[in-house]
Amino acid sequence: MKYIEDGRSLVERNHDAREYCYQCRREREARMNRIVRRCLVVSSMIFMCSLLAGFMF
């Protein structure tokens, strides 16, 4: 009986680890998306500023 209980707890632990990994991956993806979005905004602002500067000079 003990072996079956150990197996069940091992499966549950595996499931918890998988859920935790999935959550970590989602958080990491969200962080990467935020960084990418910020970089896009900054680069587009620089692009617009350079366009304006080109028009002015």
C-alpha atoms as a PDB file:
ATOM      1  CA  MET A   1       0.000   0.000   0.000  1.00  0.00           C
ATOM      2  CA  LYS A   2       2.811   2.398   0.883  1.00  0.00           C
ATOM      3  CA  TYR A   3       4.226   2.181  -2.663  1.00  0.00           C
ATOM      4  CA  ILE A   4       0.879   3.241  -4.165  1.00  0.00           C
ATOM      5  CA  GLU A   5       0.625   6.199  -1.774  1.00  0.00           C
ATOM      6  CA  ASP A   6       4.200   7.224  -2.613  1.00  0.00           C
ATOM      7  CA  GLY A   7       3.406   7.002  -6.309  1.00  0.00           C
ATOM      8  CA  ARG A   8       0.300   9.134  -5.898  1.00  0.00           C
ATOM      9  CA  SER A   9       2.152  11.814  -3.920  1.00  0.00           C
ATOM     10  CA  LEU A  10       4.935  11.736  -6.521  1.00  0.00           C
ATOM     11  CA  VAL A  11       2.384  12.300  -9.300  1.00  0.00           C
ATOM     12  CA  GLU A  12       0.813  15.152  -7.324  1.00  0.00           C
ATOM     13  CA  ARG A  13       4.224  16.675  -6.741  1.00  0.00           C
ATOM     14  CA  ASN A  14       4.978  16.391 -10.472  1.00  0.00           C
ATOM     15  CA  HIS A  15       1.676  18.090 -11.262  1.00  0.00           C
ATOM     16  CA  ASP A  16       2.427  20.918  -8.815  1.00  0.00           C
ATOM     17  CA  ALA A  17       5.892  21.365 -10.337  1.00  0.00           C
ATOM     18  CA  ARG A  18       4.379  21.492 -13.818  1.00  0.00           C
ATOM     19  CA  GLU A  19       1.819  24.101 -12.736  1.00  0.00           C
ATOM     20  CA  TYR A  20       4.604  26.124 -11.083  1.00  0.00           C
ATOM     21  CA  CYS A  21       6.759  25.891 -14.218  1.00  0.00           C
ATOM     22  CA  TYR A  22       3.822  26.996 -16.364  1.00  0.00           C
ATOM     23  CA  GLN A  23       3.178  29.980 -14.101  1.00  0.00           C
ATOM     24  CA  CYS A  24       6.886  30.920 -14.137  1.00  0.00           C
ATOM     25  CA  ARG A  25       6.945  30.674 -17.911  1.00  0.00           C
ATOM     26  CA  ARG A  26       3.846  32.867 -18.199  1.00  0.00           C
ATOM     27  CA  GLU A  27       5.395  35.476 -15.882  1.00  0.00           C
ATOM     28  CA  ARG A  28       8.672  35.394 -17.815  1.00  0.00           C
ATOM     29  CA  GLU A  29       6.796  35.791 -21.116  1.00  0.00           C
ATOM     30  CA  ALA A  30       4.816  38.712 -19.689  1.00  0.00           C
ATOM     31  CA  ARG A  31       8.035  40.370 -18.505  1.00  0.00           C
ATOM     32  CA  MET A  32       9.657  39.847 -21.914  1.00  0.00           C
ATOM     33  CA  ASN A  33       6.565  41.263 -23.628  1.00  0.00           C
ATOM     34  CA  ARG A  34       6.720  44.343 -21.379  1.00  0.00           C
ATOM     35  CA  ILE A  35      10.415  44.870 -22.177  1.00  0.00           C
ATOM     36  CA  VAL A  36       9.821  44.383 -25.912  1.00  0.00           C
ATOM     37  CA  ARG A  37       6.863  46.772 -25.840  1.00  0.00           C
ATOM     38  CA  ARG A  38       8.917  49.406 -23.994  1.00  0.00           C
ATOM     39  CA  CYS A  39      11.756  49.014 -26.516  1.00  0.00           C
ATOM     40  CA  LEU A  40       9.280  49.372 -29.392  1.00  0.00           C
ATOM     41  CA  VAL A  41       7.790  52.521 -27.855  1.00  0.00           C
ATOM     42  CA  VAL A  42      11.224  54.056 -27.265  1.00  0.00           C
ATOM     43  CA  SER A  43      12.461  53.187 -30.759  1.00  0.00           C
ATOM     44  CA  SER A  44       9.283  54.548 -32.366  1.00  0.00           C
ATOM     45  CA  MET A  45       9.634  57.773 -30.339  1.00  0.00           C
ATOM     46  CA  ILE A  46      13.262  58.117 -31.466  1.00  0.00           C
ATOM     47  CA  PHE A  47      12.156  57.443 -35.048  1.00  0.00           C
ATOM     48  CA  MET A  48       9.445  60.127 -34.849  1.00  0.00           C
ATOM     49  CA  CYS A  49      11.881  62.600 -33.253  1.00  0.00           C
ATOM     50  CA  SER A  50      14.442  61.986 -35.994  1.00  0.00           C
ATOM     51  CA  LEU A  51      11.708  62.437 -38.625  1.00  0.00           C
ATOM     52  CA  LEU A  52      10.667  65.735 -37.028  1.00  0.00           C
ATOM     53  CA  ALA A  53      14.308  66.836 -36.807  1.00  0.00           C
ATOM     54  CA  GLY A  54      14.761  65.914 -40.474  1.00  0.00           C
ATOM     55  CA  PHE A  55      11.716  67.994 -41.408  1.00  0.00           C
ATOM     56  CA  MET A  56      12.863  70.963 -39.329  1.00  0.00           C
ATOM     57  CA  PHE A  57      16.464  71.085 -40.588  1.00  0.00           C
END
